[in-house]
Amino acid sequence: MIDLSRARDELGPLVVGALPDDEILDRYTRVLWNILTEPGDRAAGQLVGAVGPAEAFERVRRDDLGDGILDPDDARAAVERWRPRLRSGAVSAALRTARAARLRLLTPHDETWPDSVDDLAEHGPLVLWVRGDPRVLESAQHGVAIVGARAATSYGEHVAGEMAAELAACGISIVSGAAFGIDAAAHRATLAGRGTTVALMAGGLERAYPQAHTELIERIADTGAVVSEVAPGSAPTKWRFLQRNRLIAALSAVTVVVEAGWRSGSLNTAHHASALGRPIGAVPGPVTSAASAGCHRLLRELEATCVTNAADVRELLGWGELPDEGGSADSSAHTSDRTRVRDALSSRSARTPEEIAQRCGLSVTDVQSHLGLLQVEGLVVAIAGGWRLT
């Protein structure tokens, strides 16, 4: 039996508010299942979904799964892979690590739980661990996943950055995986434009992976959220990266692949999005580029939509087209506002967004959005103390 008093103490700051005993038991045993299983375990999802995590664990402990919920062969195989992880102190250790890293534990009972991941059904996550603000997951459900090759070309990084910055400037959240290449370009451009971005990780959140992106992941957690479904202390393995991809597809409303090789993991994300009925966009590249072969494959085999800019992605979201630069009133206003921001900048000394706003007569929020776009275009640079023209 689980000691509820101990469970309450160990959950501590990982949950919000004073919870009744049944909810404490539910959360604690969900963490237990989180340790017992790998992401997307169908048998665990079926069993927990049918009788709840606490009763499901008791049945496993008693070796009592002959009730028709699981196929007998599936039940035997499941217990065989779960039993090696049934060790004393595993939940306490995970929760101790989570408290030290200041993580939040989310379950389907929490208001901030993103309902979109429930579309994964029995393959869905039993819990989510979060660094940052869990509330941003609500906007991420209406946002865009921008993914692609780790070994990205300068073309791919430019397209990903420009697309992310323009979408973020419209208030659209950007979801990605914090990897090298396309993921990092999308996150950085969103942060530069003061937008909201969410990173889905394949390992425990107590340490950054890749380690070289420690600062980037910290910045994402400061203004958005870094999320994982595996327990603290878990290593990022190849299988967990592939399973992480299904969460990227499920959390966001649209998935865009900017660059991908013929066998890229980004294609795995696109196939998950397709299975969930989510729109998929693929950015075309040179036919001679191996880095774009996967995108061309998506266009041909998965009937992905060809996207070349933020306006195309907005259409996939159902937001309608962005005004073009051809001369509409809105386009002219957008262009003139950006010109006003540039005119308020100096090429010699840095100026803060507040100083720029005062000089050009725009709000600080609008100035920050335009600065992010100008930075992506290489026209301005952020330095200590503010911004200046390149």
Protein backbone atom coordinates (compact mmCIF):
# COMPACT_ATOMS: atom_id res chain seq x y z
CA MET A 1 0.00 0.00 0.00
CA ILE A 2 1.09 3.59 -0.64
CA ASP A 3 1.63 5.83 2.39
CA LEU A 4 -0.51 8.88 1.53
CA SER A 5 1.17 11.14 4.10
CA ARG A 6 4.57 10.37 2.63
CA ALA A 7 3.23 10.75 -0.92
CA ARG A 8 1.83 14.19 -0.07
CA ASP A 9 5.16 15.33 1.40
CA GLU A 10 7.16 14.05 -1.57
CA LEU A 11 4.87 15.66 -4.15
CA GLY A 12 5.11 18.93 -2.19
CA PRO A 13 5.66 21.95 -4.48
CA LEU A 14 5.30 19.86 -7.67
CA VAL A 15 1.52 20.24 -7.50
CA VAL A 16 -0.69 23.28 -6.93
CA GLY A 17 -2.97 23.68 -3.94
CA ALA A 18 -4.16 21.37 -1.17
CA LEU A 19 -5.37 18.18 -2.83
CA PRO A 20 -7.67 15.50 -1.39
CA ASP A 21 -6.26 12.06 -0.71
CA ASP A 22 -7.66 10.47 -3.86
CA GLU A 23 -5.93 13.07 -6.06
CA ILE A 24 -2.65 12.67 -4.19
CA LEU A 25 -2.89 8.90 -4.75
CA ASP A 26 -3.71 9.43 -8.44
CA ARG A 27 -0.69 11.71 -8.99
CA TYR A 28 1.71 9.57 -7.02
CA THR A 29 0.77 6.37 -8.82
CA ARG A 30 0.93 8.14 -12.18
CA VAL A 31 4.55 8.99 -11.38
CA LEU A 32 5.02 5.31 -10.52
CA TRP A 33 3.64 4.31 -13.92
CA ASN A 34 5.81 7.00 -15.49
CA ILE A 35 8.85 5.14 -14.12
CA LEU A 36 7.59 1.66 -14.96
CA THR A 37 6.87 2.34 -18.62
CA GLU A 38 8.41 3.81 -21.72
CA PRO A 39 6.58 6.64 -23.51
CA GLY A 40 3.57 5.52 -25.53
CA ASP A 41 3.14 2.12 -23.81
CA ARG A 42 -0.23 0.99 -25.17
CA ALA A 43 -0.89 -1.68 -22.54
CA ALA A 44 -0.27 0.76 -19.69
CA GLY A 45 -2.48 3.35 -21.40
CA GLN A 46 -5.33 0.87 -21.76
CA LEU A 47 -5.07 -0.41 -18.19
CA VAL A 48 -4.75 3.01 -16.54
CA GLY A 49 -7.51 4.40 -18.75
CA ALA A 50 -9.85 1.57 -17.74
CA VAL A 51 -9.38 1.42 -13.95
CA GLY A 52 -7.19 4.39 -13.00
CA PRO A 53 -3.49 4.41 -12.08
CA ALA A 54 -3.84 3.27 -8.45
CA GLU A 55 -6.05 0.26 -9.17
CA ALA A 56 -3.98 -0.59 -12.26
CA PHE A 57 -0.83 -0.72 -10.13
CA GLU A 58 -2.48 -2.90 -7.50
CA ARG A 59 -3.53 -5.37 -10.20
CA VAL A 60 0.03 -5.54 -11.53
CA ARG A 61 1.38 -6.00 -8.02
CA ARG A 62 -1.07 -8.87 -7.43
CA ASP A 63 -0.42 -10.27 -10.90
CA ASP A 64 -4.17 -10.00 -11.52
CA LEU A 65 -4.66 -8.87 -15.14
CA GLY A 66 -7.05 -11.62 -16.26
CA ASP A 67 -10.11 -9.37 -16.45
CA GLY A 68 -10.32 -8.88 -20.21
CA ILE A 69 -8.96 -5.33 -20.29
CA LEU A 70 -5.77 -6.56 -21.94
CA ASP A 71 -5.24 -9.44 -24.30
CA PRO A 72 -3.68 -12.28 -22.21
CA ASP A 73 -0.53 -12.37 -24.33
CA ASP A 74 -0.22 -8.57 -24.18
CA ALA A 75 -0.74 -8.65 -20.41
CA ARG A 76 2.01 -11.24 -19.87
CA ALA A 77 4.44 -9.34 -22.08
CA ALA A 78 3.60 -6.05 -20.34
CA VAL A 79 4.18 -7.39 -16.84
CA GLU A 80 7.51 -8.88 -17.93
CA ARG A 81 8.77 -5.50 -19.11
CA TRP A 82 7.35 -3.58 -16.12
CA ARG A 83 8.56 -5.83 -13.30
CA PRO A 84 12.31 -5.07 -13.67
CA ARG A 85 11.52 -1.42 -12.83
CA LEU A 86 9.47 -2.25 -9.72
CA ARG A 87 12.13 -1.18 -7.24
CA SER A 88 11.83 0.47 -3.88
CA GLY A 89 12.58 4.17 -3.72
CA ALA A 90 12.32 4.86 -7.47
CA VAL A 91 9.38 7.28 -7.13
CA SER A 92 10.95 9.05 -4.15
CA ALA A 93 14.19 9.54 -6.09
CA ALA A 94 12.37 10.93 -9.15
CA LEU A 95 10.31 13.34 -7.05
CA ARG A 96 13.40 14.45 -5.13
CA THR A 97 15.15 15.26 -8.40
CA ALA A 98 12.05 17.07 -9.67
CA ARG A 99 11.85 19.23 -6.54
CA ALA A 100 15.53 20.14 -6.80
CA ALA A 101 15.05 21.16 -10.45
CA ARG A 102 11.86 23.14 -9.60
CA LEU A 103 9.69 21.18 -11.98
CA ARG A 104 5.91 21.07 -12.11
CA LEU A 105 3.99 17.81 -12.42
CA LEU A 106 0.94 17.90 -14.69
CA THR A 107 -1.71 15.18 -14.94
CA PRO A 108 -4.99 15.07 -16.91
CA HIS A 109 -6.76 16.40 -13.79
CA ASP A 110 -4.91 19.74 -13.94
CA GLU A 111 -6.46 22.80 -15.58
CA THR A 112 -3.25 23.46 -17.50
CA TRP A 113 -3.11 19.93 -18.94
CA PRO A 114 -3.09 20.28 -22.78
CA ASP A 115 -6.13 18.32 -23.96
CA SER A 116 -4.68 18.02 -27.48
CA VAL A 117 -2.26 15.28 -26.33
CA ASP A 118 -5.27 13.15 -25.36
CA ASP A 119 -5.79 12.59 -29.09
CA LEU A 120 -2.98 10.04 -28.77
CA ALA A 121 -5.51 7.88 -26.82
CA GLU A 122 -3.86 4.85 -25.17
CA HIS A 123 -0.49 5.98 -26.53
CA GLY A 124 -0.76 9.34 -24.75
CA PRO A 125 1.37 10.54 -21.83
CA LEU A 126 0.33 9.63 -18.28
CA VAL A 127 2.02 12.74 -16.85
CA LEU A 128 3.96 15.75 -18.12
CA TRP A 129 6.91 17.39 -16.38
CA VAL A 130 7.28 21.13 -16.95
CA ARG A 131 9.94 23.77 -16.41
CA GLY A 132 8.53 27.22 -16.87
CA ASP A 133 4.91 28.30 -17.09
CA PRO A 134 2.45 25.41 -17.72
CA ARG A 135 -0.19 27.93 -18.83
CA VAL A 136 1.58 28.49 -22.14
CA LEU A 137 0.63 24.94 -23.17
CA GLU A 138 -2.87 26.23 -23.84
CA SER A 139 -1.63 28.59 -26.56
CA ALA A 140 0.75 25.92 -27.89
CA GLN A 141 -2.29 23.79 -28.76
CA HIS A 142 -3.21 26.45 -31.33
CA GLY A 143 0.38 26.96 -32.42
CA VAL A 144 2.85 25.62 -34.97
CA ALA A 145 5.53 22.96 -34.63
CA ILE A 146 8.61 23.90 -36.66
CA VAL A 147 11.00 20.97 -36.98
CA GLY A 148 13.78 19.81 -39.26
CA ALA A 149 17.31 18.60 -39.72
CA ARG A 150 19.96 18.92 -37.05
CA ALA A 151 22.60 19.31 -39.76
CA ALA A 152 20.69 22.21 -41.28
CA THR A 153 21.93 24.42 -44.09
CA SER A 154 22.10 28.21 -43.82
CA TYR A 155 19.06 28.27 -46.14
CA GLY A 156 17.06 26.07 -43.78
CA GLU A 157 18.01 28.01 -40.66
CA HIS A 158 17.15 31.30 -42.39
CA VAL A 159 13.71 30.05 -43.48
CA ALA A 160 12.97 28.54 -40.05
CA GLY A 161 14.02 31.70 -38.24
CA GLU A 162 12.11 34.07 -40.47
CA MET A 163 8.98 31.91 -40.41
CA ALA A 164 9.08 31.51 -36.61
CA ALA A 165 9.67 35.23 -36.02
CA GLU A 166 6.79 36.32 -38.24
CA LEU A 167 4.40 33.77 -36.75
CA ALA A 168 5.45 34.72 -33.21
CA ALA A 169 4.91 38.40 -34.02
CA CYS A 170 1.30 37.47 -34.83
CA GLY A 171 0.88 35.85 -31.41
CA ILE A 172 1.29 32.26 -32.63
CA SER A 173 3.21 29.93 -30.30
CA ILE A 174 6.12 27.94 -31.73
CA VAL A 175 6.74 24.33 -30.65
CA SER A 176 9.95 22.42 -31.34
CA GLY A 177 12.50 20.07 -29.82
CA ALA A 178 15.49 22.28 -28.84
CA ALA A 179 17.85 20.25 -31.05
CA PHE A 180 20.64 21.66 -33.18
CA GLY A 181 19.77 23.13 -36.59
CA ILE A 182 16.17 23.94 -37.47
CA ASP A 183 14.78 23.51 -33.93
CA ALA A 184 17.27 25.96 -32.42
CA ALA A 185 16.74 28.50 -35.22
CA ALA A 186 12.97 28.45 -34.63
CA HIS A 187 13.32 28.82 -30.84
CA ARG A 188 15.89 31.61 -31.06
CA ALA A 189 13.94 33.66 -33.59
CA THR A 190 10.80 33.35 -31.46
CA LEU A 191 12.66 34.48 -28.35
CA ALA A 192 14.24 37.38 -30.25
CA GLY A 193 10.77 38.58 -31.20
CA ARG A 194 9.51 38.22 -27.59
CA GLY A 195 7.21 35.40 -28.67
CA THR A 196 6.15 32.24 -26.84
CA THR A 197 7.92 28.98 -27.53
CA VAL A 198 7.68 25.47 -26.05
CA ALA A 199 10.43 22.84 -26.21
CA LEU A 200 9.63 19.11 -25.95
CA MET A 201 12.52 17.07 -24.56
CA ALA A 202 13.35 13.36 -24.78
CA GLY A 203 15.00 13.02 -21.37
CA GLY A 204 14.58 14.22 -17.80
CA LEU A 205 14.34 17.99 -17.38
CA GLU A 206 16.90 18.26 -14.59
CA ARG A 207 19.62 18.62 -17.22
CA ALA A 208 19.70 20.20 -20.65
CA TYR A 209 20.14 18.12 -23.77
CA PRO A 210 22.03 18.85 -25.88
CA GLN A 211 24.28 20.33 -23.22
CA ALA A 212 25.45 23.01 -25.65
CA HIS A 213 21.89 24.38 -25.58
CA THR A 214 21.77 24.86 -21.81
CA GLU A 215 21.45 28.65 -22.14
CA LEU A 216 18.82 28.37 -24.89
CA ILE A 217 16.73 25.93 -22.84
CA GLU A 218 16.99 28.23 -19.80
CA ARG A 219 15.70 31.13 -21.89
CA ILE A 220 12.79 29.05 -23.18
CA ALA A 221 11.87 28.06 -19.62
CA ASP A 222 12.05 31.71 -18.48
CA THR A 223 9.36 32.91 -20.89
CA GLY A 224 7.65 29.73 -22.14
CA ALA A 225 7.90 26.09 -21.14
CA VAL A 226 10.22 23.11 -21.44
CA VAL A 227 8.27 19.83 -21.30
CA SER A 228 9.00 16.12 -21.04
CA GLU A 229 6.89 13.03 -20.43
CA VAL A 230 9.76 10.93 -19.04
CA ALA A 231 10.60 11.01 -15.34
CA PRO A 232 13.44 13.12 -13.96
CA GLY A 233 16.67 11.19 -14.09
CA SER A 234 15.78 9.49 -17.39
CA ALA A 235 18.35 9.57 -20.19
CA PRO A 236 17.43 10.76 -23.70
CA THR A 237 17.56 7.61 -25.84
CA LYS A 238 16.87 7.10 -29.54
CA TRP A 239 13.49 5.49 -28.75
CA ARG A 240 12.51 8.37 -26.51
CA PHE A 241 13.40 10.89 -29.21
CA LEU A 242 11.09 9.09 -31.64
CA GLN A 243 8.31 8.98 -29.04
CA ARG A 244 8.92 12.62 -28.16
CA ASN A 245 8.11 13.46 -31.77
CA ARG A 246 4.53 12.24 -31.37
CA LEU A 247 4.09 14.76 -28.54
CA ILE A 248 5.38 17.62 -30.70
CA ALA A 249 2.80 16.65 -33.35
CA ALA A 250 -0.02 16.19 -30.84
CA LEU A 251 0.58 19.37 -28.86
CA SER A 252 0.55 21.73 -31.86
CA ALA A 253 -2.17 22.46 -34.41
CA VAL A 254 0.12 22.39 -37.48
CA THR A 255 3.50 20.76 -38.12
CA VAL A 256 5.96 22.35 -40.56
CA VAL A 257 9.09 20.50 -41.70
CA VAL A 258 11.66 23.03 -42.94
CA GLU A 259 14.52 20.72 -43.89
CA ALA A 260 14.81 16.95 -43.62
CA GLY A 261 16.97 14.25 -45.09
CA TRP A 262 15.46 11.16 -46.74
CA ARG A 263 15.37 9.28 -43.41
CA SER A 264 15.21 12.23 -41.01
CA GLY A 265 13.48 11.92 -37.62
CA SER A 266 11.45 14.97 -38.62
CA LEU A 267 9.55 12.74 -41.04
CA ASN A 268 8.53 10.70 -38.01
CA THR A 269 6.98 13.84 -36.50
CA ALA A 270 5.13 14.53 -39.76
CA HIS A 271 3.73 10.99 -39.89
CA HIS A 272 2.46 11.32 -36.32
CA ALA A 273 0.78 14.60 -37.27
CA SER A 274 -0.81 12.91 -40.29
CA ALA A 275 -2.11 10.03 -38.15
CA LEU A 276 -3.70 12.60 -35.82
CA GLY A 277 -5.31 14.46 -38.72
CA ARG A 278 -3.19 17.56 -38.19
CA PRO A 279 -2.17 19.67 -41.22
CA ILE A 280 1.42 19.26 -42.40
CA GLY A 281 3.54 21.82 -44.23
CA ALA A 282 6.84 21.14 -45.98
CA VAL A 283 9.30 23.77 -47.18
CA PRO A 284 10.75 22.98 -50.62
CA GLY A 285 14.46 23.24 -51.27
CA PRO A 286 16.89 22.73 -54.14
CA VAL A 287 16.33 19.36 -55.84
CA THR A 288 20.07 18.79 -55.52
CA SER A 289 20.06 19.25 -51.74
CA ALA A 290 20.04 16.08 -49.63
CA ALA A 291 18.86 18.23 -46.72
CA SER A 292 15.55 18.83 -48.52
CA ALA A 293 14.98 15.30 -49.86
CA GLY A 294 12.71 14.45 -46.92
CA CYS A 295 10.55 17.55 -47.47
CA HIS A 296 10.11 16.64 -51.12
CA ARG A 297 9.21 13.12 -50.03
CA LEU A 298 6.48 14.53 -47.75
CA LEU A 299 5.10 16.62 -50.59
CA ARG A 300 4.95 13.56 -52.83
CA GLU A 301 4.02 10.71 -50.49
CA LEU A 302 2.13 12.32 -47.60
CA GLU A 303 0.47 15.09 -49.62
CA ALA A 304 1.91 17.74 -47.35
CA THR A 305 1.17 21.35 -48.24
CA CYS A 306 4.00 23.31 -49.81
CA VAL A 307 4.78 26.30 -47.56
CA THR A 308 7.32 29.00 -48.24
CA ASN A 309 6.49 31.71 -45.69
CA ALA A 310 4.44 32.60 -42.63
CA ALA A 311 1.39 33.47 -44.73
CA ASP A 312 1.22 29.90 -46.03
CA VAL A 313 1.42 28.53 -42.48
CA ARG A 314 -1.30 30.91 -41.28
CA GLU A 315 -3.55 29.49 -43.99
CA LEU A 316 -2.92 25.98 -42.67
CA LEU A 317 -3.91 27.24 -39.22
CA GLY A 318 -7.06 28.78 -40.64
CA TRP A 319 -5.93 32.30 -39.82
CA GLY A 320 -6.13 33.49 -43.41
CA GLU A 321 -3.36 35.11 -45.40
CA LEU A 322 -0.92 37.71 -44.19
CA PRO A 323 -1.08 40.92 -46.19
CA ASP A 324 1.44 40.83 -49.01
CA GLU A 325 4.07 43.51 -49.52
CA GLY A 326 2.43 44.67 -52.72
CA GLY A 327 0.76 47.79 -51.47
CA SER A 328 -2.39 47.12 -49.42
CA ALA A 329 -3.12 49.61 -46.66
CA ASP A 330 -2.23 47.09 -43.94
CA SER A 331 0.99 46.16 -45.71
CA SER A 332 1.98 49.77 -46.08
CA ALA A 333 1.33 50.38 -42.38
CA HIS A 334 3.39 47.30 -41.48
CA THR A 335 6.27 48.43 -43.69
CA SER A 336 6.17 52.05 -42.53
CA ASP A 337 6.16 50.97 -38.87
CA ARG A 338 9.25 48.87 -39.46
CA THR A 339 10.87 51.84 -41.21
CA ARG A 340 10.05 54.03 -38.22
CA VAL A 341 11.79 51.54 -35.92
CA ARG A 342 14.87 51.47 -38.17
CA ASP A 343 14.95 55.27 -38.34
CA ALA A 344 14.95 55.38 -34.53
CA LEU A 345 18.06 53.19 -34.32
CA SER A 346 21.73 54.15 -34.48
CA SER A 347 24.58 52.23 -36.10
CA ARG A 348 27.02 53.44 -33.43
CA SER A 349 25.26 53.29 -30.05
CA ALA A 350 22.75 50.82 -28.63
CA ARG A 351 19.26 51.97 -27.67
CA THR A 352 16.74 50.24 -25.44
CA PRO A 353 13.25 49.30 -26.75
CA GLU A 354 11.85 52.04 -24.51
CA GLU A 355 14.13 54.66 -26.09
CA ILE A 356 13.29 53.41 -29.58
CA ALA A 357 9.56 53.53 -28.80
CA GLN A 358 9.89 57.11 -27.59
CA ARG A 359 11.75 58.14 -30.75
CA CYS A 360 9.44 56.42 -33.27
CA GLY A 361 6.08 56.87 -31.55
CA LEU A 362 5.15 53.17 -31.31
CA SER A 363 4.41 51.02 -28.28
CA VAL A 364 7.26 49.08 -26.68
CA THR A 365 5.48 45.81 -27.58
CA ASP A 366 5.28 46.77 -31.27
CA VAL A 367 8.90 47.90 -31.25
CA GLN A 368 10.02 44.57 -29.78
CA SER A 369 8.11 42.63 -32.47
CA HIS A 370 9.70 44.65 -35.28
CA LEU A 371 13.16 44.34 -33.72
CA GLY A 372 12.80 40.55 -33.74
CA LEU A 373 11.94 40.55 -37.45
CA LEU A 374 14.71 43.01 -38.28
CA GLN A 375 17.19 40.82 -36.40
CA VAL A 376 16.17 37.77 -38.45
CA GLU A 377 16.76 39.82 -41.59
CA GLY A 378 20.21 40.75 -40.31
CA LEU A 379 19.44 44.48 -40.17
CA VAL A 380 19.81 44.96 -36.41
CA VAL A 381 21.83 43.36 -33.63
CA ALA A 382 21.13 42.99 -29.91
CA ILE A 383 24.07 43.93 -27.70
CA ALA A 384 24.50 44.75 -24.02
CA GLY A 385 22.33 47.75 -23.31
CA GLY A 386 19.96 47.48 -26.25
CA TRP A 387 19.82 47.37 -30.05
CA ARG A 388 21.68 49.01 -32.91
CA LEU A 389 21.74 48.85 -36.69
CA THR A 390 24.22 46.41 -38.25
